């Protein structure tokens, strides 16, 4: 695992087409902006498929809308 320190408004680049921006730091919470292609699936770590199957609920996936803002949606079955 790579561990990096970032300040507000600083970015991390992943590959050629994913940008993470530290939007806000407040106490022990960090707000992260994600710019990625629409076909890149972004899911919170605690929502892995094994855990979802055990609980019987559907995961919430993050995708990019037309303004490059991450939006939550439930996957289609």
C-alpha atoms as a PDB file:
ATOM      1  CA  UNK A   1       0.000   0.000   0.000  1.00  0.00           C
ATOM      2  CA  UNK A   2       1.258   3.438  -0.914  1.00  0.00           C
ATOM      3  CA  UNK A   3       0.559   6.073   1.757  1.00  0.00           C
ATOM      4  CA  UNK A   4       0.767   9.767   0.811  1.00  0.00           C
ATOM      5  CA  UNK A   5       0.100  12.993   2.695  1.00  0.00           C
ATOM      6  CA  UNK A   6      -1.995  15.645   0.939  1.00  0.00           C
ATOM      7  CA  UNK A   7      -3.375  19.045   1.935  1.00  0.00           C
ATOM      8  CA  UNK A   8      -6.716  20.566   0.942  1.00  0.00           C
ATOM      9  CA  UNK A   9      -7.003  21.202  -2.820  1.00  0.00           C
ATOM     10  CA  UNK A  10      -4.004  18.986  -3.606  1.00  0.00           C
ATOM     11  CA  UNK A  11      -4.442  16.116  -6.050  1.00  0.00           C
ATOM     12  CA  UNK A  12      -3.371  12.536  -6.676  1.00  0.00           C
ATOM     13  CA  UNK A  13      -3.156  11.178 -10.214  1.00  0.00           C
ATOM     14  CA  UNK A  14      -3.892   7.504 -10.884  1.00  0.00           C
ATOM     15  CA  UNK A  15      -2.830   6.367 -14.312  1.00  0.00           C
ATOM     16  CA  UNK A  16      -3.600   8.769 -17.140  1.00  0.00           C
ATOM     17  CA  UNK A  17      -7.289   9.376 -16.489  1.00  0.00           C
ATOM     18  CA  UNK A  18      -8.158   9.366 -12.761  1.00  0.00           C
ATOM     19  CA  UNK A  19      -7.686  12.413 -10.530  1.00  0.00           C
ATOM     20  CA  UNK A  20      -8.392  12.470  -6.785  1.00  0.00           C
ATOM     21  CA  UNK A  21      -8.707  15.916  -5.209  1.00  0.00           C
ATOM     22  CA  UNK A  22      -8.724  16.536  -1.459  1.00  0.00           C
ATOM     23  CA  UNK A  23     -11.681  18.919  -1.219  1.00  0.00           C
ATOM     24  CA  UNK A  24     -12.019  19.388   2.530  1.00  0.00           C
ATOM     25  CA  UNK A  25     -10.434  18.166   5.759  1.00  0.00           C
ATOM     26  CA  UNK A  26     -12.474  18.563   8.924  1.00  0.00           C
ATOM     27  CA  UNK A  27     -11.381  16.763  12.087  1.00  0.00           C
ATOM     28  CA  UNK A  28     -11.013  13.085  11.214  1.00  0.00           C
ATOM     29  CA  UNK A  29     -13.065  13.320   7.972  1.00  0.00           C
ATOM     30  CA  UNK A  30     -11.760  13.950   4.478  1.00  0.00           C
ATOM     31  CA  UNK A  31     -13.932  14.873   1.471  1.00  0.00           C
ATOM     32  CA  UNK A  32     -12.429  13.544  -1.760  1.00  0.00           C
ATOM     33  CA  UNK A  33     -13.422  14.538  -5.293  1.00  0.00           C
ATOM     34  CA  UNK A  34     -12.953  11.903  -7.994  1.00  0.00           C
ATOM     35  CA  UNK A  35     -12.619  12.585 -11.718  1.00  0.00           C
ATOM     36  CA  UNK A  36     -12.696   9.349 -13.701  1.00  0.00           C
ATOM     37  CA  UNK A  37     -14.106   7.957 -16.948  1.00  0.00           C
ATOM     38  CA  UNK A  38     -17.775   6.988 -16.784  1.00  0.00           C
ATOM     39  CA  UNK A  39     -16.923   3.300 -17.164  1.00  0.00           C
ATOM     40  CA  UNK A  40     -14.784   3.231 -13.982  1.00  0.00           C
ATOM     41  CA  UNK A  41     -16.801   1.739 -11.112  1.00  0.00           C
ATOM     42  CA  UNK A  42     -16.181   3.492  -7.789  1.00  0.00           C
ATOM     43  CA  UNK A  43     -17.517   1.810  -4.630  1.00  0.00           C
ATOM     44  CA  UNK A  44     -16.808   2.531  -0.968  1.00  0.00           C
ATOM     45  CA  UNK A  45     -14.474  -0.109   0.484  1.00  0.00           C
ATOM     46  CA  UNK A  46     -16.972  -1.360   3.060  1.00  0.00           C
ATOM     47  CA  UNK A  47     -19.395  -2.245   0.268  1.00  0.00           C
ATOM     48  CA  UNK A  48     -17.462  -5.172  -1.156  1.00  0.00           C
ATOM     49  CA  UNK A  49     -19.543  -7.920  -2.752  1.00  0.00           C
ATOM     50  CA  UNK A  50     -18.931 -10.512  -0.025  1.00  0.00           C
ATOM     51  CA  UNK A  51     -20.209  -8.211   2.704  1.00  0.00           C
ATOM     52  CA  UNK A  52     -23.199  -7.136   0.593  1.00  0.00           C
ATOM     53  CA  UNK A  53     -24.165 -10.756  -0.103  1.00  0.00           C
ATOM     54  CA  UNK A  54     -24.053 -11.567   3.609  1.00  0.00           C
ATOM     55  CA  UNK A  55     -26.306  -8.610   4.455  1.00  0.00           C
ATOM     56  CA  UNK A  56     -28.657  -9.116   1.507  1.00  0.00           C
ATOM     57  CA  UNK A  57     -28.617  -5.495   0.311  1.00  0.00           C
ATOM     58  CA  UNK A  58     -27.466  -3.975  -2.952  1.00  0.00           C
ATOM     59  CA  UNK A  59     -24.259  -1.915  -3.173  1.00  0.00           C
ATOM     60  CA  UNK A  60     -24.297   1.746  -4.065  1.00  0.00           C
ATOM     61  CA  UNK A  61     -21.938   2.497  -6.938  1.00  0.00           C
ATOM     62  CA  UNK A  62     -20.447   5.892  -7.697  1.00  0.00           C
ATOM     63  CA  UNK A  63     -20.293   7.136 -11.259  1.00  0.00           C
ATOM     64  CA  UNK A  64     -19.557  10.464 -12.886  1.00  0.00           C
ATOM     65  CA  UNK A  65     -22.396  12.671 -14.141  1.00  0.00           C
ATOM     66  CA  UNK A  66     -22.119  15.151 -17.012  1.00  0.00           C
ATOM     67  CA  UNK A  67     -20.370  17.729 -14.792  1.00  0.00           C
ATOM     68  CA  UNK A  68     -17.740  15.221 -13.535  1.00  0.00           C
ATOM     69  CA  UNK A  69     -19.328  15.014 -10.094  1.00  0.00           C
ATOM     70  CA  UNK A  70     -19.604  11.605  -8.438  1.00  0.00           C
ATOM     71  CA  UNK A  71     -23.212  10.505  -8.033  1.00  0.00           C
ATOM     72  CA  UNK A  72     -24.584   7.482  -6.180  1.00  0.00           C
ATOM     73  CA  UNK A  73     -26.718   4.889  -7.907  1.00  0.00           C
ATOM     74  CA  UNK A  74     -27.843   1.344  -7.233  1.00  0.00           C
ATOM     75  CA  UNK A  75     -26.718  -1.131  -9.907  1.00  0.00           C
ATOM     76  CA  UNK A  76     -29.325  -2.605 -12.238  1.00  0.00           C
ATOM     77  CA  UNK A  77     -30.028  -6.320 -11.721  1.00  0.00           C
END
